[in-house]
């Protein structure tokens, strides 16, 4: 949320300021927000690989039940944070919701300003 763009009002050219803000919002969504989502997906893959490796080690008998239980509990807890309402994804969905509301608001404001500019 700290990286979410802020609208900087320009009294000289409001339409230009709105269009710049829309561009900043799109850039934020593409680079920051979706980049975060991709990193969470990669983290899920790593956790899944670690869980599979843990199962193999336990089945081979190379780790004890206590070690298995400890690592398994950690992996389950981390995977829980990646679910939709989990800690890691809650931030993503919160920013996505804010992005969607801001982009709609900006589109309406841009349309209004353009309409005002074409008066006959």
PDB file of N, CA and C in Angstrom:
ATOM      1  N   UNK A   1       0.819  -1.196   0.000  1.00  0.00           N
ATOM      2  CA  UNK A   1       0.000   0.000   0.000  1.00  0.00           C
ATOM      3  C   UNK A   1       0.864   1.261   0.000  1.00  0.00           C
ATOM      4  N   UNK A   2       2.089   1.164   0.542  1.00  0.00           N
ATOM      5  CA  UNK A   2       2.954   2.337   0.580  1.00  0.00           C
ATOM      6  C   UNK A   2       3.312   2.812  -0.820  1.00  0.00           C
ATOM      7  N   UNK A   3       3.305   1.898  -1.781  1.00  0.00           N
ATOM      8  CA  UNK A   3       3.684   2.251  -3.142  1.00  0.00           C
ATOM      9  C   UNK A   3       2.497   2.670  -3.998  1.00  0.00           C
ATOM     10  N   UNK A   4       1.313   2.682  -3.434  1.00  0.00           N
ATOM     11  CA  UNK A   4       0.130   3.051  -4.207  1.00  0.00           C
ATOM     12  C   UNK A   4       0.268   4.511  -4.633  1.00  0.00           C
ATOM     13  N   UNK A   5       0.071   4.800  -5.932  1.00  0.00           N
ATOM     14  CA  UNK A   5       0.241   6.178  -6.407  1.00  0.00           C
ATOM     15  C   UNK A   5      -0.793   7.130  -5.808  1.00  0.00           C
ATOM     16  N   UNK A   6      -0.395   8.369  -5.678  1.00  0.00           N
ATOM     17  CA  UNK A   6      -1.282   9.399  -5.162  1.00  0.00           C
ATOM     18  C   UNK A   6      -1.554  10.415  -6.258  1.00  0.00           C
ATOM     19  N   UNK A   7      -2.762  10.916  -6.259  1.00  0.00           N
ATOM     20  CA  UNK A   7      -3.143  11.928  -7.238  1.00  0.00           C
ATOM     21  C   UNK A   7      -2.571  13.272  -6.800  1.00  0.00           C
ATOM     22  N   UNK A   8      -1.854  13.911  -7.714  1.00  0.00           N
ATOM     23  CA  UNK A   8      -1.328  15.246  -7.464  1.00  0.00           C
ATOM     24  C   UNK A   8      -2.102  16.204  -8.359  1.00  0.00           C
ATOM     25  N   UNK A   9      -2.917  17.010  -7.733  1.00  0.00           N
ATOM     26  CA  UNK A   9      -3.794  17.896  -8.495  1.00  0.00           C
ATOM     27  C   UNK A   9      -2.994  19.002  -9.164  1.00  0.00           C
ATOM     28  N   UNK A  10      -3.341  19.222 -10.391  1.00  0.00           N
ATOM     29  CA  UNK A  10      -2.732  20.289 -11.165  1.00  0.00           C
ATOM     30  C   UNK A  10      -3.823  21.301 -11.496  1.00  0.00           C
ATOM     31  N   UNK A  11      -3.712  22.486 -10.949  1.00  0.00           N
ATOM     32  CA  UNK A  11      -4.749  23.489 -11.182  1.00  0.00           C
ATOM     33  C   UNK A  11      -4.683  24.046 -12.590  1.00  0.00           C
ATOM     34  N   UNK A  12      -3.523  23.988 -13.220  1.00  0.00           N
ATOM     35  CA  UNK A  12      -3.415  24.541 -14.570  1.00  0.00           C
ATOM     36  C   UNK A  12      -4.052  23.633 -15.614  1.00  0.00           C
ATOM     37  N   UNK A  13      -3.893  22.329 -15.468  1.00  0.00           N
ATOM     38  CA  UNK A  13      -4.455  21.399 -16.453  1.00  0.00           C
ATOM     39  C   UNK A  13      -4.932  20.137 -15.726  1.00  0.00           C
ATOM     40  N   UNK A  14      -6.163  20.180 -15.272  1.00  0.00           N
ATOM     41  CA  UNK A  14      -6.724  19.083 -14.485  1.00  0.00           C
ATOM     42  C   UNK A  14      -6.802  17.802 -15.310  1.00  0.00           C
ATOM     43  N   UNK A  15      -7.194  17.913 -16.567  1.00  0.00           N
ATOM     44  CA  UNK A  15      -7.308  16.735 -17.430  1.00  0.00           C
ATOM     45  C   UNK A  15      -5.960  16.039 -17.564  1.00  0.00           C
ATOM     46  N   UNK A  16      -4.908  16.811 -17.775  1.00  0.00           N
ATOM     47  CA  UNK A  16      -3.573  16.224 -17.889  1.00  0.00           C
ATOM     48  C   UNK A  16      -3.173  15.524 -16.583  1.00  0.00           C
ATOM     49  N   UNK A  17      -3.497  16.138 -15.442  1.00  0.00           N
ATOM     50  CA  UNK A  17      -3.194  15.527 -14.146  1.00  0.00           C
ATOM     51  C   UNK A  17      -3.934  14.217 -13.944  1.00  0.00           C
ATOM     52  N   UNK A  18      -5.198  14.181 -14.363  1.00  0.00           N
ATOM     53  CA  UNK A  18      -5.986  12.945 -14.257  1.00  0.00           C
ATOM     54  C   UNK A  18      -5.432  11.848 -15.160  1.00  0.00           C
ATOM     55  N   UNK A  19      -5.035  12.232 -16.357  1.00  0.00           N
ATOM     56  CA  UNK A  19      -4.491  11.239 -17.287  1.00  0.00           C
ATOM     57  C   UNK A  19      -3.144  10.705 -16.790  1.00  0.00           C
ATOM     58  N   UNK A  20      -2.339  11.579 -16.195  1.00  0.00           N
ATOM     59  CA  UNK A  20      -1.061  11.141 -15.621  1.00  0.00           C
ATOM     60  C   UNK A  20      -1.319  10.160 -14.461  1.00  0.00           C
ATOM     61  N   UNK A  21      -2.307  10.480 -13.629  1.00  0.00           N
ATOM     62  CA  UNK A  21      -2.644   9.609 -12.506  1.00  0.00           C
ATOM     63  C   UNK A  21      -3.128   8.250 -13.001  1.00  0.00           C
ATOM     64  N   UNK A  22      -3.964   8.251 -14.060  1.00  0.00           N
ATOM     65  CA  UNK A  22      -4.430   6.983 -14.631  1.00  0.00           C
ATOM     66  C   UNK A  22      -3.247   6.152 -15.120  1.00  0.00           C
ATOM     67  N   UNK A  23      -2.296   6.798 -15.756  1.00  0.00           N
ATOM     68  CA  UNK A  23      -1.094   6.115 -16.226  1.00  0.00           C
ATOM     69  C   UNK A  23      -0.291   5.543 -15.052  1.00  0.00           C
ATOM     70  N   UNK A  24      -0.173   6.302 -13.972  1.00  0.00           N
ATOM     71  CA  UNK A  24       0.531   5.821 -12.779  1.00  0.00           C
ATOM     72  C   UNK A  24      -0.187   4.631 -12.158  1.00  0.00           C
ATOM     73  N   UNK A  25      -1.515   4.677 -12.150  1.00  0.00           N
ATOM     74  CA  UNK A  25      -2.301   3.556 -11.618  1.00  0.00           C
ATOM     75  C   UNK A  25      -2.077   2.295 -12.438  1.00  0.00           C
ATOM     76  N   UNK A  26      -2.102   2.432 -13.754  1.00  0.00           N
ATOM     77  CA  UNK A  26      -1.891   1.275 -14.640  1.00  0.00           C
ATOM     78  C   UNK A  26      -0.493   0.708 -14.442  1.00  0.00           C
ATOM     79  N   UNK A  27       0.493   1.578 -14.343  1.00  0.00           N
ATOM     80  CA  UNK A  27       1.866   1.136 -14.120  1.00  0.00           C
ATOM     81  C   UNK A  27       1.987   0.410 -12.785  1.00  0.00           C
ATOM     82  N   UNK A  28       1.347   0.934 -11.753  1.00  0.00           N
ATOM     83  CA  UNK A  28       1.347   0.297 -10.441  1.00  0.00           C
ATOM     84  C   UNK A  28       0.755  -1.104 -10.521  1.00  0.00           C
ATOM     85  N   UNK A  29      -0.396  -1.242 -11.219  1.00  0.00           N
ATOM     86  CA  UNK A  29      -1.045  -2.539 -11.323  1.00  0.00           C
ATOM     87  C   UNK A  29      -0.154  -3.534 -12.057  1.00  0.00           C
ATOM     88  N   UNK A  30       0.400  -3.113 -13.186  1.00  0.00           N
ATOM     89  CA  UNK A  30       1.197  -4.025 -14.003  1.00  0.00           C
ATOM     90  C   UNK A  30       2.506  -4.429 -13.341  1.00  0.00           C
ATOM     91  N   UNK A  31       3.214  -3.456 -12.786  1.00  0.00           N
ATOM     92  CA  UNK A  31       4.549  -3.747 -12.274  1.00  0.00           C
ATOM     93  C   UNK A  31       4.567  -4.140 -10.805  1.00  0.00           C
ATOM     94  N   UNK A  32       3.949  -3.352  -9.971  1.00  0.00           N
ATOM     95  CA  UNK A  32       4.037  -3.585  -8.526  1.00  0.00           C
ATOM     96  C   UNK A  32       3.048  -4.659  -8.082  1.00  0.00           C
ATOM     97  N   UNK A  33       1.780  -4.436  -8.369  1.00  0.00           N
ATOM     98  CA  UNK A  33       0.736  -5.327  -7.861  1.00  0.00           C
ATOM     99  C   UNK A  33       0.828  -6.724  -8.473  1.00  0.00           C
ATOM    100  N   UNK A  34       0.916  -6.805  -9.789  1.00  0.00           N
ATOM    101  CA  UNK A  34       1.005  -8.117 -10.425  1.00  0.00           C
ATOM    102  C   UNK A  34       2.371  -8.757 -10.195  1.00  0.00           C
ATOM    103  N   UNK A  35       3.398  -7.936 -10.026  1.00  0.00           N
ATOM    104  CA  UNK A  35       4.714  -8.471  -9.665  1.00  0.00           C
ATOM    105  C   UNK A  35       4.673  -9.142  -8.296  1.00  0.00           C
ATOM    106  N   UNK A  36       3.968  -8.522  -7.375  1.00  0.00           N
ATOM    107  CA  UNK A  36       3.800  -9.113  -6.043  1.00  0.00           C
ATOM    108  C   UNK A  36       3.041 -10.439  -6.154  1.00  0.00           C
ATOM    109  N   UNK A  37       1.997 -10.442  -6.956  1.00  0.00           N
ATOM    110  CA  UNK A  37       1.207 -11.660  -7.137  1.00  0.00           C
ATOM    111  C   UNK A  37       2.076 -12.775  -7.729  1.00  0.00           C
ATOM    112  N   UNK A  38       2.886 -12.436  -8.714  1.00  0.00           N
ATOM    113  CA  UNK A  38       3.781 -13.442  -9.310  1.00  0.00           C
ATOM    114  C   UNK A  38       4.771 -13.978  -8.279  1.00  0.00           C
ATOM    115  N   UNK A  39       5.252 -13.108  -7.395  1.00  0.00           N
ATOM    116  CA  UNK A  39       6.205 -13.574  -6.384  1.00  0.00           C
ATOM    117  C   UNK A  39       5.524 -14.485  -5.369  1.00  0.00           C
ATOM    118  N   UNK A  40       4.262 -14.219  -5.038  1.00  0.00           N
ATOM    119  CA  UNK A  40       3.525 -15.104  -4.130  1.00  0.00           C
ATOM    120  C   UNK A  40       3.307 -16.463  -4.791  1.00  0.00           C
ATOM    121  N   UNK A  41       2.984 -16.460  -6.079  1.00  0.00           N
ATOM    122  CA  UNK A  41       2.800 -17.724  -6.807  1.00  0.00           C
ATOM    123  C   UNK A  41       4.112 -18.521  -6.820  1.00  0.00           C
ATOM    124  N   UNK A  42       5.227 -17.835  -7.033  1.00  0.00           N
ATOM    125  CA  UNK A  42       6.528 -18.509  -7.008  1.00  0.00           C
ATOM    126  C   UNK A  42       6.815 -19.060  -5.609  1.00  0.00           C
ATOM    127  N   UNK A  43       6.434 -18.317  -4.580  1.00  0.00           N
ATOM    128  CA  UNK A  43       6.626 -18.771  -3.205  1.00  0.00           C
ATOM    129  C   UNK A  43       5.776 -20.012  -2.934  1.00  0.00           C
ATOM    130  N   UNK A  44       4.562 -20.039  -3.448  1.00  0.00           N
ATOM    131  CA  UNK A  44       3.697 -21.214  -3.295  1.00  0.00           C
ATOM    132  C   UNK A  44       4.356 -22.429  -3.944  1.00  0.00           C
ATOM    133  N   UNK A  45       4.935 -22.227  -5.124  1.00  0.00           N
ATOM    134  CA  UNK A  45       5.641 -23.325  -5.798  1.00  0.00           C
ATOM    135  C   UNK A  45       6.801 -23.840  -4.951  1.00  0.00           C
ATOM    136  N   UNK A  46       7.546 -22.917  -4.342  1.00  0.00           N
ATOM    137  CA  UNK A  46       8.658 -23.318  -3.484  1.00  0.00           C
ATOM    138  C   UNK A  46       8.162 -24.089  -2.264  1.00  0.00           C
ATOM    139  N   UNK A  47       7.075 -23.617  -1.672  1.00  0.00           N
ATOM    140  CA  UNK A  47       6.515 -24.317  -0.513  1.00  0.00           C
ATOM    141  C   UNK A  47       6.027 -25.709  -0.892  1.00  0.00           C
ATOM    142  N   UNK A  48       5.394 -25.814  -2.057  1.00  0.00           N
ATOM    143  CA  UNK A  48       4.904 -27.113  -2.523  1.00  0.00           C
ATOM    144  C   UNK A  48       6.071 -28.065  -2.763  1.00  0.00           C
ATOM    145  N   UNK A  49       7.133 -27.566  -3.390  1.00  0.00           N
ATOM    146  CA  UNK A  49       8.328 -28.389  -3.605  1.00  0.00           C
ATOM    147  C   UNK A  49       8.935 -28.834  -2.274  1.00  0.00           C
ATOM    148  N   UNK A  50       8.989 -27.908  -1.322  1.00  0.00           N
ATOM    149  CA  UNK A  50       9.537 -28.240  -0.006  1.00  0.00           C
ATOM    150  C   UNK A  50       8.675 -29.285   0.699  1.00  0.00           C
ATOM    151  N   UNK A  51       7.352 -29.170   0.552  1.00  0.00           N
ATOM    152  CA  UNK A  51       6.453 -30.149   1.163  1.00  0.00           C
ATOM    153  C   UNK A  51       6.657 -31.525   0.545  1.00  0.00           C
ATOM    154  N   UNK A  52       6.810 -31.584  -0.765  1.00  0.00           N
ATOM    155  CA  UNK A  52       7.051 -32.862  -1.443  1.00  0.00           C
ATOM    156  C   UNK A  52       8.383 -33.466  -1.007  1.00  0.00           C
ATOM    157  N   UNK A  53       9.407 -32.623  -0.907  1.00  0.00           N
ATOM    158  CA  UNK A  53      10.718 -33.088  -0.464  1.00  0.00           C
ATOM    159  C   UNK A  53      10.640 -33.602   0.974  1.00  0.00           C
ATOM    160  N   UNK A  54       9.909 -32.907   1.816  1.00  0.00           N
ATOM    161  CA  UNK A  54       9.737 -33.313   3.210  1.00  0.00           C
ATOM    162  C   UNK A  54       9.059 -34.678   3.288  1.00  0.00           C
ATOM    163  N   UNK A  55       8.034 -34.890   2.504  1.00  0.00           N
ATOM    164  CA  UNK A  55       7.339 -36.184   2.484  1.00  0.00           C
ATOM    165  C   UNK A  55       8.286 -37.306   2.068  1.00  0.00           C
ATOM    166  N   UNK A  56       9.096 -37.041   1.046  1.00  0.00           N
ATOM    167  CA  UNK A  56      10.040 -38.076   0.585  1.00  0.00           C
ATOM    168  C   UNK A  56      11.080 -38.390   1.657  1.00  0.00           C
ATOM    169  N   UNK A  57      11.580 -37.343   2.315  1.00  0.00           N
ATOM    170  CA  UNK A  57      12.574 -37.565   3.364  1.00  0.00           C
ATOM    171  C   UNK A  57      11.990 -38.371   4.515  1.00  0.00           C
ATOM    172  N   UNK A  58      10.767 -38.079   4.859  1.00  0.00           N
ATOM    173  CA  UNK A  58      10.133 -38.804   5.959  1.00  0.00           C
ATOM    174  C   UNK A  58       9.875 -40.258   5.571  1.00  0.00           C
ATOM    175  N   UNK A  59       9.423 -40.480   4.351  1.00  0.00           N
ATOM    176  CA  UNK A  59       9.155 -41.853   3.906  1.00  0.00           C
ATOM    177  C   UNK A  59      10.435 -42.676   3.812  1.00  0.00           C
ATOM    178  N   UNK A  60      11.547 -42.025   3.471  1.00  0.00           N
ATOM    179  CA  UNK A  60      12.833 -42.722   3.408  1.00  0.00           C
ATOM    180  C   UNK A  60      13.418 -42.973   4.792  1.00  0.00           C
ATOM    181  N   UNK A  61      12.889 -42.239   5.771  1.00  0.00           N
ATOM    182  CA  UNK A  61      13.394 -42.401   7.136  1.00  0.00           C
ATOM    183  C   UNK A  61      14.612 -41.553   7.435  1.00  0.00           C
ATOM    184  N   UNK A  62      14.880 -40.536   6.626  1.00  0.00           N
ATOM    185  CA  UNK A  62      16.063 -39.695   6.853  1.00  0.00           C
ATOM    186  C   UNK A  62      15.818 -38.582   7.874  1.00  0.00           C
ATOM    187  N   UNK A  63      14.543 -38.374   8.233  1.00  0.00           N
ATOM    188  CA  UNK A  63      14.239 -37.397   9.284  1.00  0.00           C
ATOM    189  C   UNK A  63      13.300 -38.049  10.295  1.00  0.00           C
ATOM    190  N   UNK A  64      13.330 -37.534  11.505  1.00  0.00           N
ATOM    191  CA  UNK A  64      12.478 -38.080  12.562  1.00  0.00           C
ATOM    192  C   UNK A  64      11.070 -37.502  12.459  1.00  0.00           C
ATOM    193  N   UNK A  65      10.168 -38.122  13.196  1.00  0.00           N
ATOM    194  CA  UNK A  65       8.777 -37.654  13.217  1.00  0.00           C
ATOM    195  C   UNK A  65       8.692 -36.239  13.794  1.00  0.00           C
ATOM    196  N   UNK A  66       9.488 -35.941  14.791  1.00  0.00           N
ATOM    197  CA  UNK A  66       9.470 -34.607  15.413  1.00  0.00           C
ATOM    198  C   UNK A  66       9.912 -33.534  14.409  1.00  0.00           C
ATOM    199  N   UNK A  67      10.968 -33.827  13.668  1.00  0.00           N
ATOM    200  CA  UNK A  67      11.445 -32.878  12.649  1.00  0.00           C
ATOM    201  C   UNK A  67      10.393 -32.729  11.558  1.00  0.00           C
ATOM    202  N   UNK A  68       9.822 -33.851  11.147  1.00  0.00           N
ATOM    203  CA  UNK A  68       8.768 -33.819  10.128  1.00  0.00           C
ATOM    204  C   UNK A  68       7.592 -32.965  10.589  1.00  0.00           C
ATOM    205  N   UNK A  69       7.128 -33.186  11.805  1.00  0.00           N
ATOM    206  CA  UNK A  69       5.991 -32.429  12.335  1.00  0.00           C
ATOM    207  C   UNK A  69       6.282 -30.934  12.399  1.00  0.00           C
ATOM    208  N   UNK A  70       7.474 -30.581  12.829  1.00  0.00           N
ATOM    209  CA  UNK A  70       7.853 -29.172  12.934  1.00  0.00           C
ATOM    210  C   UNK A  70       7.873 -28.511  11.550  1.00  0.00           C
ATOM    211  N   UNK A  71       8.524 -29.136  10.596  1.00  0.00           N
ATOM    212  CA  UNK A  71       8.610 -28.566   9.242  1.00  0.00           C
ATOM    213  C   UNK A  71       7.244 -28.559   8.553  1.00  0.00           C
ATOM    214  N   UNK A  72       6.495 -29.621   8.770  1.00  0.00           N
ATOM    215  CA  UNK A  72       5.167 -29.698   8.151  1.00  0.00           C
ATOM    216  C   UNK A  72       4.260 -28.584   8.687  1.00  0.00           C
ATOM    217  N   UNK A  73       4.314 -28.340   9.991  1.00  0.00           N
ATOM    218  CA  UNK A  73       3.496 -27.268  10.583  1.00  0.00           C
ATOM    219  C   UNK A  73       3.874 -25.911   9.997  1.00  0.00           C
ATOM    220  N   UNK A  74       5.168 -25.686   9.792  1.00  0.00           N
ATOM    221  CA  UNK A  74       5.627 -24.431   9.199  1.00  0.00           C
ATOM    222  C   UNK A  74       5.103 -24.282   7.770  1.00  0.00           C
ATOM    223  N   UNK A  75       5.228 -25.332   6.983  1.00  0.00           N
ATOM    224  CA  UNK A  75       4.767 -25.281   5.583  1.00  0.00           C
ATOM    225  C   UNK A  75       3.261 -25.056   5.501  1.00  0.00           C
ATOM    226  N   UNK A  76       2.512 -25.720   6.351  1.00  0.00           N
ATOM    227  CA  UNK A  76       1.052 -25.545   6.359  1.00  0.00           C
ATOM    228  C   UNK A  76       0.698 -24.103   6.741  1.00  0.00           C
ATOM    229  N   UNK A  77       1.400 -23.553   7.733  1.00  0.00           N
ATOM    230  CA  UNK A  77       1.132 -22.172   8.157  1.00  0.00           C
ATOM    231  C   UNK A  77       1.441 -21.182   7.039  1.00  0.00           C
ATOM    232  N   UNK A  78       2.560 -21.370   6.361  1.00  0.00           N
ATOM    233  CA  UNK A  78       2.931 -20.467   5.267  1.00  0.00           C
ATOM    234  C   UNK A  78       1.966 -20.598   4.092  1.00  0.00           C
ATOM    235  N   UNK A  79       1.556 -21.801   3.770  1.00  0.00           N
ATOM    236  CA  UNK A  79       0.582 -21.980   2.693  1.00  0.00           C
ATOM    237  C   UNK A  79      -0.752 -21.331   3.051  1.00  0.00           C
ATOM    238  N   UNK A  80      -1.105 -21.358   4.322  1.00  0.00           N
ATOM    239  CA  UNK A  80      -2.335 -20.700   4.767  1.00  0.00           C
ATOM    240  C   UNK A  80      -2.292 -19.195   4.548  1.00  0.00           C
ATOM    241  N   UNK A  81      -1.105 -18.608   4.642  1.00  0.00           N
ATOM    242  CA  UNK A  81      -0.954 -17.173   4.427  1.00  0.00           C
ATOM    243  C   UNK A  81      -1.092 -16.800   2.953  1.00  0.00           C
ATOM    244  N   UNK A  82      -0.973 -17.775   2.063  1.00  0.00           N
ATOM    245  CA  UNK A  82      -1.058 -17.488   0.633  1.00  0.00           C
ATOM    246  C   UNK A  82      -2.469 -17.651   0.095  1.00  0.00           C
ATOM    247  N   UNK A  83      -3.377 -18.120   0.904  1.00  0.00           N
ATOM    248  CA  UNK A  83      -4.762 -18.249   0.459  1.00  0.00           C
ATOM    249  C   UNK A  83      -5.397 -16.868   0.338  1.00  0.00           C
ATOM    250  N   UNK A  84      -6.558 -16.796  -0.265  1.00  0.00           N
ATOM    251  CA  UNK A  84      -7.197 -15.504  -0.555  1.00  0.00           C
ATOM    252  C   UNK A  84      -7.313 -14.601   0.665  1.00  0.00           C
ATOM    253  N   UNK A  85      -7.666 -15.165   1.806  1.00  0.00           N
ATOM    254  CA  UNK A  85      -7.820 -14.347   3.014  1.00  0.00           C
ATOM    255  C   UNK A  85      -6.585 -14.425   3.912  1.00  0.00           C
ATOM    256  N   UNK A  86      -5.539 -15.051   3.425  1.00  0.00           N
ATOM    257  CA  UNK A  86      -4.307 -15.156   4.194  1.00  0.00           C
ATOM    258  C   UNK A  86      -3.555 -13.839   4.224  1.00  0.00           C
ATOM    259  N   UNK A  87      -2.568 -13.780   5.085  1.00  0.00           N
ATOM    260  CA  UNK A  87      -1.795 -12.562   5.309  1.00  0.00           C
ATOM    261  C   UNK A  87      -1.163 -12.024   4.028  1.00  0.00           C
ATOM    262  N   UNK A  88      -0.557 -12.891   3.236  1.00  0.00           N
ATOM    263  CA  UNK A  88       0.151 -12.429   2.043  1.00  0.00           C
ATOM    264  C   UNK A  88      -0.810 -11.936   0.961  1.00  0.00           C
ATOM    265  N   UNK A  89      -1.928 -12.613   0.801  1.00  0.00           N
ATOM    266  CA  UNK A  89      -2.851 -12.241  -0.266  1.00  0.00           C
ATOM    267  C   UNK A  89      -3.831 -11.149   0.160  1.00  0.00           C
ATOM    268  N   UNK A  90      -4.012 -10.946   1.441  1.00  0.00           N
ATOM    269  CA  UNK A  90      -4.917  -9.885   1.902  1.00  0.00           C
ATOM    270  C   UNK A  90      -4.424  -8.525   1.418  1.00  0.00           C
ATOM    271  N   UNK A  91      -3.131  -8.310   1.469  1.00  0.00           N
ATOM    272  CA  UNK A  91      -2.562  -7.055   0.970  1.00  0.00           C
ATOM    273  C   UNK A  91      -2.781  -6.893  -0.520  1.00  0.00           C
ATOM    274  N   UNK A  92      -2.592  -7.982  -1.249  1.00  0.00           N
ATOM    275  CA  UNK A  92      -2.793  -7.940  -2.703  1.00  0.00           C
ATOM    276  C   UNK A  92      -4.233  -7.590  -3.036  1.00  0.00           C
ATOM    277  N   UNK A  93      -5.177  -8.290  -2.415  1.00  0.00           N
ATOM    278  CA  UNK A  93      -6.591  -8.040  -2.720  1.00  0.00           C
ATOM    279  C   UNK A  93      -7.041  -6.665  -2.234  1.00  0.00           C
ATOM    280  N   UNK A  94      -6.474  -6.185  -1.148  1.00  0.00           N
ATOM    281  CA  UNK A  94      -6.794  -4.837  -0.676  1.00  0.00           C
ATOM    282  C   UNK A  94      -6.339  -3.775  -1.670  1.00  0.00           C
ATOM    283  N   UNK A  95      -5.110  -3.927  -2.167  1.00  0.00           N
ATOM    284  CA  UNK A  95      -4.596  -2.990  -3.169  1.00  0.00           C
ATOM    285  C   UNK A  95      -5.359  -3.108  -4.482  1.00  0.00           C
ATOM    286  N   UNK A  96      -5.709  -4.321  -4.866  1.00  0.00           N
ATOM    287  CA  UNK A  96      -6.458  -4.517  -6.104  1.00  0.00           C
ATOM    288  C   UNK A  96      -7.823  -3.841  -6.016  1.00  0.00           C
ATOM    289  N   UNK A  97      -8.469  -3.958  -4.877  1.00  0.00           N
ATOM    290  CA  UNK A  97      -9.770  -3.317  -4.680  1.00  0.00           C
ATOM    291  C   UNK A  97      -9.642  -1.798  -4.761  1.00  0.00           C
ATOM    292  N   UNK A  98      -8.621  -1.261  -4.107  1.00  0.00           N
ATOM    293  CA  UNK A  98      -8.394   0.179  -4.154  1.00  0.00           C
ATOM    294  C   UNK A  98      -8.075   0.622  -5.577  1.00  0.00           C
ATOM    295  N   UNK A  99      -7.249  -0.150  -6.274  1.00  0.00           N
ATOM    296  CA  UNK A  99      -6.916   0.168  -7.667  1.00  0.00           C
ATOM    297  C   UNK A  99      -8.183   0.233  -8.524  1.00  0.00           C
ATOM    298  N   UNK A 100      -9.040  -0.774  -8.401  1.00  0.00           N
ATOM    299  CA  UNK A 100     -10.256  -0.817  -9.215  1.00  0.00           C
ATOM    300  C   UNK A 100     -11.155   0.382  -8.946  1.00  0.00           C
ATOM    301  N   UNK A 101     -11.302   0.764  -7.696  1.00  0.00           N
ATOM    302  CA  UNK A 101     -12.167   1.905  -7.392  1.00  0.00           C
ATOM    303  C   UNK A 101     -11.536   3.203  -7.903  1.00  0.00           C
ATOM    304  N   UNK A 102     -10.227   3.343  -7.746  1.00  0.00           N
ATOM    305  CA  UNK A 102      -9.544   4.557  -8.212  1.00  0.00           C
ATOM    306  C   UNK A 102      -9.591   4.679  -9.729  1.00  0.00           C
ATOM    307  N   UNK A 103      -9.366   3.571 -10.439  1.00  0.00           N
ATOM    308  CA  UNK A 103      -9.332   3.627 -11.900  1.00  0.00           C
ATOM    309  C   UNK A 103     -10.718   3.966 -12.451  1.00  0.00           C
ATOM    310  N   UNK A 104     -11.766   3.461 -11.812  1.00  0.00           N
ATOM    311  CA  UNK A 104     -13.131   3.806 -12.239  1.00  0.00           C
ATOM    312  C   UNK A 104     -13.409   5.284 -11.996  1.00  0.00           C
ATOM    313  N   UNK A 105     -13.026   5.762 -10.830  1.00  0.00           N
ATOM    314  CA  UNK A 105     -13.232   7.165 -10.490  1.00  0.00           C
ATOM    315  C   UNK A 105     -12.481   8.084 -11.462  1.00  0.00           C
ATOM    316  N   UNK A 106     -11.254   7.736 -11.769  1.00  0.00           N
ATOM    317  CA  UNK A 106     -10.460   8.543 -12.690  1.00  0.00           C
ATOM    318  C   UNK A 106     -11.073   8.525 -14.086  1.00  0.00           C
ATOM    319  N   UNK A 107     -11.550   7.382 -14.539  1.00  0.00           N
ATOM    320  CA  UNK A 107     -12.175   7.301 -15.865  1.00  0.00           C
ATOM    321  C   UNK A 107     -13.405   8.199 -15.946  1.00  0.00           C
ATOM    322  N   UNK A 108     -14.193   8.212 -14.901  1.00  0.00           N
ATOM    323  CA  UNK A 108     -15.385   9.074 -14.867  1.00  0.00           C
ATOM    324  C   UNK A 108     -14.967  10.540 -14.889  1.00  0.00           C
ATOM    325  N   UNK A 109     -13.976  10.893 -14.104  1.00  0.00           N
ATOM    326  CA  UNK A 109     -13.515  12.278 -14.049  1.00  0.00           C
ATOM    327  C   UNK A 109     -12.906  12.736 -15.381  1.00  0.00           C
ATOM    328  N   UNK A 110     -12.162  11.852 -16.029  1.00  0.00           N
ATOM    329  CA  UNK A 110     -11.587  12.187 -17.336  1.00  0.00           C
ATOM    330  C   UNK A 110     -12.698  12.408 -18.350  1.00  0.00           C
ATOM    331  N   UNK A 111     -13.683  11.513 -18.363  1.00  0.00           N
ATOM    332  CA  UNK A 111     -14.807  11.662 -19.296  1.00  0.00           C
ATOM    333  C   UNK A 111     -15.544  12.972 -19.042  1.00  0.00           C
ATOM    334  N   UNK A 112     -15.726  13.309 -17.774  1.00  0.00           N
ATOM    335  CA  UNK A 112     -16.418  14.557 -17.416  1.00  0.00           C
ATOM    336  C   UNK A 112     -15.629  15.772 -17.905  1.00  0.00           C
ATOM    337  N   UNK A 113     -14.321  15.765 -17.698  1.00  0.00           N
ATOM    338  CA  UNK A 113     -13.480  16.884 -18.121  1.00  0.00           C
ATOM    339  C   UNK A 113     -13.441  17.002 -19.642  1.00  0.00           C
ATOM    340  N   UNK A 114     -13.396  15.862 -20.321  1.00  0.00           N
ATOM    341  CA  UNK A 114     -13.395  15.908 -21.791  1.00  0.00           C
ATOM    342  C   UNK A 114     -14.722  16.451 -22.316  1.00  0.00           C
ATOM    343  N   UNK A 115     -15.795  16.060 -21.665  1.00  0.00           N
ATOM    344  CA  UNK A 115     -17.115  16.538 -22.080  1.00  0.00           C
ATOM    345  C   UNK A 115     -17.234  18.043 -21.859  1.00  0.00           C
ATOM    346  N   UNK A 116     -16.691  18.514 -20.737  1.00  0.00           N
ATOM    347  CA  UNK A 116     -16.704  19.950 -20.456  1.00  0.00           C
ATOM    348  C   UNK A 116     -15.910  20.726 -21.497  1.00  0.00           C
ATOM    349  N   UNK A 117     -14.863  20.123 -22.017  1.00  0.00           N
ATOM    350  CA  UNK A 117     -14.002  20.788 -23.000  1.00  0.00           C
ATOM    351  C   UNK A 117     -14.627  20.882 -24.385  1.00  0.00           C
ATOM    352  N   UNK A 118     -15.647  20.095 -24.691  1.00  0.00           N
ATOM    353  CA  UNK A 118     -16.270  20.083 -26.006  1.00  0.00           C
ATOM    354  C   UNK A 118     -17.634  20.722 -26.009  1.00  0.00           C
ATOM    355  N   UNK A 119     -17.809  21.762 -25.249  1.00  0.00           N
ATOM    356  CA  UNK A 119     -19.102  22.454 -25.217  1.00  0.00           C
ATOM    357  C   UNK A 119     -19.268  23.294 -26.481  1.00  0.00           C
ATOM    358  N   UNK A 120     -20.519  23.346 -26.948  1.00  0.00           N
ATOM    359  CA  UNK A 120     -20.834  24.145 -28.151  1.00  0.00           C
ATOM    360  C   UNK A 120     -21.602  25.358 -27.777  1.00  0.00           C
TER     361      UNK A 120
END
